[in-house]
């Protein structure tokens, strides 16, 4: 043995990895290998330890599979609700009833405590409607600046005052509405609010809210 360069664990590991028939020639060594059990201080045989590792791997895979199935079921449930909400808009023949339908069905389908909507730049015949009242230039500018729906804490947004109980809005989602054929031209905003500070949070995805924006924008554009 080279005293200056003693054999290391890496040397042993490399030797075994590159000499697969070692344990065939020395089966008695394999039978005597003892490893520490992860479930106590006792030593177990190599085969038992391998079986334990395999069981743990199978358990981990089963958990991941269950998680995927649960997420798939959740996504399907959301998709079904979105479809019902969309169908309700399509069945609304009177354009002036669309804003109320958007608000009512968002609350009922997705169990959102408070929802409000405001539109601007409407046809003159709709400009005096409740859903077109009280929108300041600051709100319009802020909504126009949103590249995607805002989700997070209520930072004292003016639009929150349109809700029935603005003081109970701890977290909010602000969904800009844009003309389908002019993606940069906003004409409204939907406000979702919850007393739960974590219902709408900055880390959540906005893909689903963007779909709501697209569908609502297409339907409500009839009022322009």
C-alpha atoms as a PDB file:
ATOM      1  CA  UNK A   1       0.000   0.000   0.000  1.00  0.00           C
ATOM      2  CA  UNK A   2       1.231   3.443  -0.865  1.00  0.00           C
ATOM      3  CA  UNK A   3       1.436   5.156   2.541  1.00  0.00           C
ATOM      4  CA  UNK A   4       1.709   8.548   0.855  1.00  0.00           C
ATOM      5  CA  UNK A   5      -1.544   7.925  -1.083  1.00  0.00           C
ATOM      6  CA  UNK A   6      -3.853   5.729   1.031  1.00  0.00           C
ATOM      7  CA  UNK A   7      -6.955   4.211  -0.498  1.00  0.00           C
ATOM      8  CA  UNK A   8      -9.975   6.500  -0.078  1.00  0.00           C
ATOM      9  CA  UNK A   9     -13.695   5.755   0.020  1.00  0.00           C
ATOM     10  CA  UNK A  10     -13.940   7.191  -3.484  1.00  0.00           C
ATOM     11  CA  UNK A  11     -11.313   4.709  -4.665  1.00  0.00           C
ATOM     12  CA  UNK A  12     -13.351   1.838  -3.195  1.00  0.00           C
ATOM     13  CA  UNK A  13     -16.600   3.174  -4.679  1.00  0.00           C
ATOM     14  CA  UNK A  14     -15.009   3.585  -8.115  1.00  0.00           C
ATOM     15  CA  UNK A  15     -13.540   0.080  -7.964  1.00  0.00           C
ATOM     16  CA  UNK A  16     -16.900  -1.505  -7.092  1.00  0.00           C
ATOM     17  CA  UNK A  17     -18.739   0.554  -9.718  1.00  0.00           C
ATOM     18  CA  UNK A  18     -16.266  -0.501 -12.408  1.00  0.00           C
ATOM     19  CA  UNK A  19     -15.980  -4.115 -11.274  1.00  0.00           C
ATOM     20  CA  UNK A  20     -19.571  -5.409 -11.331  1.00  0.00           C
ATOM     21  CA  UNK A  21     -18.511  -9.059 -11.052  1.00  0.00           C
ATOM     22  CA  UNK A  22     -16.606  -8.493  -7.784  1.00  0.00           C
ATOM     23  CA  UNK A  23     -19.492  -9.724  -5.624  1.00  0.00           C
ATOM     24  CA  UNK A  24     -20.007 -12.691  -7.932  1.00  0.00           C
ATOM     25  CA  UNK A  25     -16.467 -13.817  -7.134  1.00  0.00           C
ATOM     26  CA  UNK A  26     -16.832 -12.882  -3.456  1.00  0.00           C
ATOM     27  CA  UNK A  27     -20.477 -13.663  -2.615  1.00  0.00           C
ATOM     28  CA  UNK A  28     -19.560 -14.268   1.016  1.00  0.00           C
ATOM     29  CA  UNK A  29     -18.579 -10.600   1.360  1.00  0.00           C
ATOM     30  CA  UNK A  30     -21.960  -9.421   0.078  1.00  0.00           C
ATOM     31  CA  UNK A  31     -23.719 -11.669   2.600  1.00  0.00           C
ATOM     32  CA  UNK A  32     -21.827 -10.156   5.518  1.00  0.00           C
ATOM     33  CA  UNK A  33     -22.288  -6.465   4.597  1.00  0.00           C
ATOM     34  CA  UNK A  34     -24.186  -4.650   7.362  1.00  0.00           C
ATOM     35  CA  UNK A  35     -25.721  -1.196   7.040  1.00  0.00           C
ATOM     36  CA  UNK A  36     -27.371   1.145   9.538  1.00  0.00           C
ATOM     37  CA  UNK A  37     -31.162   1.053   9.496  1.00  0.00           C
ATOM     38  CA  UNK A  38     -32.914   4.403   9.021  1.00  0.00           C
ATOM     39  CA  UNK A  39     -35.513   3.224  11.570  1.00  0.00           C
ATOM     40  CA  UNK A  40     -33.228   2.769  14.548  1.00  0.00           C
ATOM     41  CA  UNK A  41     -29.642   2.046  15.541  1.00  0.00           C
ATOM     42  CA  UNK A  42     -29.669  -1.612  14.548  1.00  0.00           C
ATOM     43  CA  UNK A  43     -27.650  -2.948  11.628  1.00  0.00           C
ATOM     44  CA  UNK A  44     -29.372  -4.650   8.698  1.00  0.00           C
ATOM     45  CA  UNK A  45     -28.174  -6.682   5.774  1.00  0.00           C
ATOM     46  CA  UNK A  46     -27.537  -5.084   2.396  1.00  0.00           C
ATOM     47  CA  UNK A  47     -30.540  -6.776   0.811  1.00  0.00           C
ATOM     48  CA  UNK A  48     -32.851  -5.628   3.598  1.00  0.00           C
ATOM     49  CA  UNK A  49     -31.509  -2.089   3.314  1.00  0.00           C
ATOM     50  CA  UNK A  50     -32.052  -2.159  -0.465  1.00  0.00           C
ATOM     51  CA  UNK A  51     -35.610  -3.381   0.112  1.00  0.00           C
ATOM     52  CA  UNK A  52     -36.197  -0.525   2.551  1.00  0.00           C
ATOM     53  CA  UNK A  53     -34.886   2.005   0.050  1.00  0.00           C
ATOM     54  CA  UNK A  54     -37.114   0.522  -2.651  1.00  0.00           C
ATOM     55  CA  UNK A  55     -40.175   0.709  -0.394  1.00  0.00           C
ATOM     56  CA  UNK A  56     -39.382   4.356   0.406  1.00  0.00           C
ATOM     57  CA  UNK A  57     -38.996   5.144  -3.292  1.00  0.00           C
ATOM     58  CA  UNK A  58     -42.303   3.451  -4.100  1.00  0.00           C
ATOM     59  CA  UNK A  59     -43.995   5.375  -1.284  1.00  0.00           C
ATOM     60  CA  UNK A  60     -42.581   8.655  -2.635  1.00  0.00           C
ATOM     61  CA  UNK A  61     -43.788   7.841  -6.151  1.00  0.00           C
ATOM     62  CA  UNK A  62     -47.233   6.925  -4.827  1.00  0.00           C
ATOM     63  CA  UNK A  63     -47.430  10.268  -2.996  1.00  0.00           C
ATOM     64  CA  UNK A  64     -46.426  12.165  -6.138  1.00  0.00           C
ATOM     65  CA  UNK A  65     -49.017  10.247  -8.131  1.00  0.00           C
ATOM     66  CA  UNK A  66     -51.713  11.091  -5.570  1.00  0.00           C
ATOM     67  CA  UNK A  67     -50.681  14.759  -5.658  1.00  0.00           C
ATOM     68  CA  UNK A  68     -50.905  14.801  -9.461  1.00  0.00           C
ATOM     69  CA  UNK A  69     -54.343  13.194  -9.371  1.00  0.00           C
ATOM     70  CA  UNK A  70     -55.539  15.679  -6.761  1.00  0.00           C
ATOM     71  CA  UNK A  71     -54.220  18.658  -8.749  1.00  0.00           C
ATOM     72  CA  UNK A  72     -55.794  17.217 -11.890  1.00  0.00           C
ATOM     73  CA  UNK A  73     -59.152  16.934 -10.122  1.00  0.00           C
ATOM     74  CA  UNK A  74     -58.838  20.505  -8.797  1.00  0.00           C
ATOM     75  CA  UNK A  75     -58.010  21.818 -12.274  1.00  0.00           C
ATOM     76  CA  UNK A  76     -60.971  19.970 -13.752  1.00  0.00           C
ATOM     77  CA  UNK A  77     -63.251  21.468 -11.116  1.00  0.00           C
ATOM     78  CA  UNK A  78     -62.025  24.977 -11.956  1.00  0.00           C
ATOM     79  CA  UNK A  79     -62.440  24.305 -15.671  1.00  0.00           C
ATOM     80  CA  UNK A  80     -66.028  23.161 -15.104  1.00  0.00           C
ATOM     81  CA  UNK A  81     -66.821  26.315 -13.122  1.00  0.00           C
ATOM     82  CA  UNK A  82     -65.253  28.504 -15.794  1.00  0.00           C
ATOM     83  CA  UNK A  83     -67.335  26.773 -18.447  1.00  0.00           C
ATOM     84  CA  UNK A  84     -70.559  27.318 -16.492  1.00  0.00           C
ATOM     85  CA  UNK A  85     -69.662  30.984 -15.986  1.00  0.00           C
ATOM     86  CA  UNK A  86     -68.935  31.385 -19.714  1.00  0.00           C
ATOM     87  CA  UNK A  87     -72.193  29.710 -20.695  1.00  0.00           C
ATOM     88  CA  UNK A  88     -74.087  32.061 -18.394  1.00  0.00           C
ATOM     89  CA  UNK A  89     -72.579  35.054 -20.219  1.00  0.00           C
ATOM     90  CA  UNK A  90     -73.442  33.561 -23.594  1.00  0.00           C
ATOM     91  CA  UNK A  91     -77.063  33.059 -22.513  1.00  0.00           C
ATOM     92  CA  UNK A  92     -77.386  36.704 -21.438  1.00  0.00           C
ATOM     93  CA  UNK A  93     -79.101  38.257 -24.438  1.00  0.00           C
ATOM     94  CA  UNK A  94     -79.529  41.763 -22.993  1.00  0.00           C
ATOM     95  CA  UNK A  95     -76.166  43.580 -23.120  1.00  0.00           C
ATOM     96  CA  UNK A  96     -77.028  45.830 -20.151  1.00  0.00           C
ATOM     97  CA  UNK A  97     -77.407  42.735 -17.955  1.00  0.00           C
ATOM     98  CA  UNK A  98     -73.902  41.447 -18.704  1.00  0.00           C
ATOM     99  CA  UNK A  99     -72.025  43.354 -15.943  1.00  0.00           C
ATOM    100  CA  UNK A 100     -74.451  42.074 -13.290  1.00  0.00           C
ATOM    101  CA  UNK A 101     -74.131  38.548 -14.682  1.00  0.00           C
ATOM    102  CA  UNK A 102     -70.337  38.738 -14.533  1.00  0.00           C
ATOM    103  CA  UNK A 103     -70.439  39.828 -10.880  1.00  0.00           C
ATOM    104  CA  UNK A 104     -73.172  37.446  -9.719  1.00  0.00           C
ATOM    105  CA  UNK A 105     -71.754  34.326 -11.326  1.00  0.00           C
ATOM    106  CA  UNK A 106     -68.157  34.992 -10.302  1.00  0.00           C
ATOM    107  CA  UNK A 107     -69.344  35.189  -6.712  1.00  0.00           C
ATOM    108  CA  UNK A 108     -71.492  32.070  -6.897  1.00  0.00           C
ATOM    109  CA  UNK A 109     -69.311  29.835  -9.070  1.00  0.00           C
ATOM    110  CA  UNK A 110     -65.973  30.606  -7.416  1.00  0.00           C
ATOM    111  CA  UNK A 111     -67.167  31.503  -3.899  1.00  0.00           C
ATOM    112  CA  UNK A 112     -65.647  34.974  -3.946  1.00  0.00           C
ATOM    113  CA  UNK A 113     -66.934  37.093  -1.020  1.00  0.00           C
ATOM    114  CA  UNK A 114     -67.025  40.399  -2.901  1.00  0.00           C
ATOM    115  CA  UNK A 115     -66.959  41.318  -6.583  1.00  0.00           C
ATOM    116  CA  UNK A 116     -67.352  44.687  -8.312  1.00  0.00           C
ATOM    117  CA  UNK A 117     -67.048  45.907 -11.883  1.00  0.00           C
ATOM    118  CA  UNK A 118     -66.647  49.255 -13.578  1.00  0.00           C
ATOM    119  CA  UNK A 119     -66.554  50.097 -17.282  1.00  0.00           C
ATOM    120  CA  UNK A 120     -65.673  53.267 -19.180  1.00  0.00           C
ATOM    121  CA  UNK A 121     -65.567  54.512 -22.746  1.00  0.00           C
ATOM    122  CA  UNK A 122     -69.028  53.029 -23.304  1.00  0.00           C
ATOM    123  CA  UNK A 123     -71.609  53.905 -25.884  1.00  0.00           C
ATOM    124  CA  UNK A 124     -73.537  57.036 -24.901  1.00  0.00           C
ATOM    125  CA  UNK A 125     -76.686  55.028 -24.215  1.00  0.00           C
ATOM    126  CA  UNK A 126     -74.850  53.104 -21.451  1.00  0.00           C
ATOM    127  CA  UNK A 127     -72.719  55.888 -19.986  1.00  0.00           C
ATOM    128  CA  UNK A 128     -75.199  56.646 -17.161  1.00  0.00           C
ATOM    129  CA  UNK A 129     -75.406  53.045 -15.900  1.00  0.00           C
ATOM    130  CA  UNK A 130     -74.294  52.184 -12.341  1.00  0.00           C
ATOM    131  CA  UNK A 131     -71.416  50.077 -13.641  1.00  0.00           C
ATOM    132  CA  UNK A 132     -70.009  53.123 -15.437  1.00  0.00           C
ATOM    133  CA  UNK A 133     -70.106  55.497 -12.438  1.00  0.00           C
ATOM    134  CA  UNK A 134     -67.333  56.836 -10.217  1.00  0.00           C
ATOM    135  CA  UNK A 135     -64.254  55.854 -12.226  1.00  0.00           C
ATOM    136  CA  UNK A 136     -61.467  58.407 -11.849  1.00  0.00           C
ATOM    137  CA  UNK A 137     -58.696  59.063 -14.340  1.00  0.00           C
ATOM    138  CA  UNK A 138     -56.216  57.648 -11.790  1.00  0.00           C
ATOM    139  CA  UNK A 139     -58.045  54.326 -11.747  1.00  0.00           C
ATOM    140  CA  UNK A 140     -58.162  54.213 -15.533  1.00  0.00           C
ATOM    141  CA  UNK A 141     -54.431  54.953 -15.761  1.00  0.00           C
ATOM    142  CA  UNK A 142     -53.585  52.347 -13.138  1.00  0.00           C
ATOM    143  CA  UNK A 143     -55.649  49.635 -14.826  1.00  0.00           C
ATOM    144  CA  UNK A 144     -54.121  50.489 -18.201  1.00  0.00           C
ATOM    145  CA  UNK A 145     -50.645  50.026 -16.684  1.00  0.00           C
ATOM    146  CA  UNK A 146     -51.353  46.456 -15.550  1.00  0.00           C
ATOM    147  CA  UNK A 147     -49.725  43.925 -17.914  1.00  0.00           C
ATOM    148  CA  UNK A 148     -51.661  41.158 -16.141  1.00  0.00           C
ATOM    149  CA  UNK A 149     -54.148  40.936 -13.259  1.00  0.00           C
ATOM    150  CA  UNK A 150     -52.915  42.298  -9.946  1.00  0.00           C
ATOM    151  CA  UNK A 151     -53.133  39.860  -7.023  1.00  0.00           C
ATOM    152  CA  UNK A 152     -52.070  40.653  -3.477  1.00  0.00           C
ATOM    153  CA  UNK A 153     -52.845  42.708  -0.411  1.00  0.00           C
ATOM    154  CA  UNK A 154     -55.252  45.598  -0.532  1.00  0.00           C
ATOM    155  CA  UNK A 155     -52.910  48.559  -0.724  1.00  0.00           C
ATOM    156  CA  UNK A 156     -55.708  51.099  -0.375  1.00  0.00           C
ATOM    157  CA  UNK A 157     -56.820  50.882  -3.993  1.00  0.00           C
ATOM    158  CA  UNK A 158     -59.499  53.373  -4.974  1.00  0.00           C
ATOM    159  CA  UNK A 159     -61.348  50.618  -6.832  1.00  0.00           C
ATOM    160  CA  UNK A 160     -61.865  48.719  -3.562  1.00  0.00           C
ATOM    161  CA  UNK A 161     -64.309  51.444  -2.510  1.00  0.00           C
ATOM    162  CA  UNK A 162     -66.754  50.124  -5.108  1.00  0.00           C
ATOM    163  CA  UNK A 163     -67.252  46.991  -2.992  1.00  0.00           C
ATOM    164  CA  UNK A 164     -70.168  46.668  -0.584  1.00  0.00           C
ATOM    165  CA  UNK A 165     -67.819  46.198   2.392  1.00  0.00           C
ATOM    166  CA  UNK A 166     -64.456  47.723   1.405  1.00  0.00           C
ATOM    167  CA  UNK A 167     -63.087  47.464   4.955  1.00  0.00           C
ATOM    168  CA  UNK A 168     -63.303  43.663   4.709  1.00  0.00           C
ATOM    169  CA  UNK A 169     -61.105  43.462   1.618  1.00  0.00           C
ATOM    170  CA  UNK A 170     -57.795  42.142   2.961  1.00  0.00           C
ATOM    171  CA  UNK A 171     -56.608  40.670  -0.340  1.00  0.00           C
ATOM    172  CA  UNK A 172     -57.745  41.584  -3.831  1.00  0.00           C
ATOM    173  CA  UNK A 173     -57.455  40.739  -7.501  1.00  0.00           C
ATOM    174  CA  UNK A 174     -57.798  43.505 -10.072  1.00  0.00           C
ATOM    175  CA  UNK A 175     -58.599  42.137 -13.527  1.00  0.00           C
ATOM    176  CA  UNK A 176     -58.218  44.609 -16.412  1.00  0.00           C
ATOM    177  CA  UNK A 177     -60.685  44.392 -19.283  1.00  0.00           C
ATOM    178  CA  UNK A 178     -59.369  45.123 -22.765  1.00  0.00           C
ATOM    179  CA  UNK A 179     -60.956  45.303 -26.186  1.00  0.00           C
ATOM    180  CA  UNK A 180     -60.452  41.952 -27.941  1.00  0.00           C
ATOM    181  CA  UNK A 181     -59.122  43.624 -31.101  1.00  0.00           C
ATOM    182  CA  UNK A 182     -56.964  46.174 -29.231  1.00  0.00           C
ATOM    183  CA  UNK A 183     -54.997  44.462 -26.477  1.00  0.00           C
ATOM    184  CA  UNK A 184     -53.609  47.749 -25.148  1.00  0.00           C
ATOM    185  CA  UNK A 185     -56.953  49.568 -24.838  1.00  0.00           C
ATOM    186  CA  UNK A 186     -58.594  49.036 -21.455  1.00  0.00           C
ATOM    187  CA  UNK A 187     -62.263  49.768 -20.914  1.00  0.00           C
ATOM    188  CA  UNK A 188     -62.921  48.332 -17.475  1.00  0.00           C
ATOM    189  CA  UNK A 189     -61.818  46.370 -14.427  1.00  0.00           C
ATOM    190  CA  UNK A 190     -63.213  43.579 -12.275  1.00  0.00           C
ATOM    191  CA  UNK A 191     -62.416  43.697  -8.561  1.00  0.00           C
ATOM    192  CA  UNK A 192     -62.338  40.465  -6.538  1.00  0.00           C
ATOM    193  CA  UNK A 193     -61.894  40.716  -2.780  1.00  0.00           C
ATOM    194  CA  UNK A 194     -61.652  38.463   0.256  1.00  0.00           C
ATOM    195  CA  UNK A 195     -61.317  38.968   4.031  1.00  0.00           C
ATOM    196  CA  UNK A 196     -58.655  36.241   3.879  1.00  0.00           C
ATOM    197  CA  UNK A 197     -55.285  37.968   3.442  1.00  0.00           C
ATOM    198  CA  UNK A 198     -53.937  34.863   1.680  1.00  0.00           C
ATOM    199  CA  UNK A 199     -56.803  34.258  -0.793  1.00  0.00           C
ATOM    200  CA  UNK A 200     -55.133  36.457  -3.408  1.00  0.00           C
ATOM    201  CA  UNK A 201     -51.359  36.620  -3.008  1.00  0.00           C
ATOM    202  CA  UNK A 202     -48.410  37.805  -5.080  1.00  0.00           C
ATOM    203  CA  UNK A 203     -47.017  34.281  -5.568  1.00  0.00           C
ATOM    204  CA  UNK A 204     -50.152  32.829  -7.132  1.00  0.00           C
ATOM    205  CA  UNK A 205     -50.444  32.305 -10.857  1.00  0.00           C
ATOM    206  CA  UNK A 206     -52.726  34.558 -12.877  1.00  0.00           C
ATOM    207  CA  UNK A 207     -53.424  32.298 -15.881  1.00  0.00           C
ATOM    208  CA  UNK A 208     -56.948  31.557 -14.675  1.00  0.00           C
ATOM    209  CA  UNK A 209     -57.676  35.252 -14.015  1.00  0.00           C
ATOM    210  CA  UNK A 210     -56.380  36.092 -17.485  1.00  0.00           C
ATOM    211  CA  UNK A 211     -58.904  33.660 -18.964  1.00  0.00           C
ATOM    212  CA  UNK A 212     -61.634  35.445 -17.012  1.00  0.00           C
ATOM    213  CA  UNK A 213     -60.360  38.743 -18.411  1.00  0.00           C
ATOM    214  CA  UNK A 214     -60.431  37.449 -21.985  1.00  0.00           C
ATOM    215  CA  UNK A 215     -63.947  36.029 -21.736  1.00  0.00           C
ATOM    216  CA  UNK A 216     -65.421  38.987 -19.861  1.00  0.00           C
ATOM    217  CA  UNK A 217     -63.766  41.445 -22.211  1.00  0.00           C
ATOM    218  CA  UNK A 218     -65.218  39.706 -25.249  1.00  0.00           C
ATOM    219  CA  UNK A 219     -68.720  39.695 -23.807  1.00  0.00           C
ATOM    220  CA  UNK A 220     -68.711  43.198 -22.338  1.00  0.00           C
ATOM    221  CA  UNK A 221     -67.325  44.752 -25.513  1.00  0.00           C
ATOM    222  CA  UNK A 222     -70.931  44.722 -26.716  1.00  0.00           C
ATOM    223  CA  UNK A 223     -71.450  47.779 -24.534  1.00  0.00           C
ATOM    224  CA  UNK A 224     -68.758  49.854 -26.307  1.00  0.00           C
END
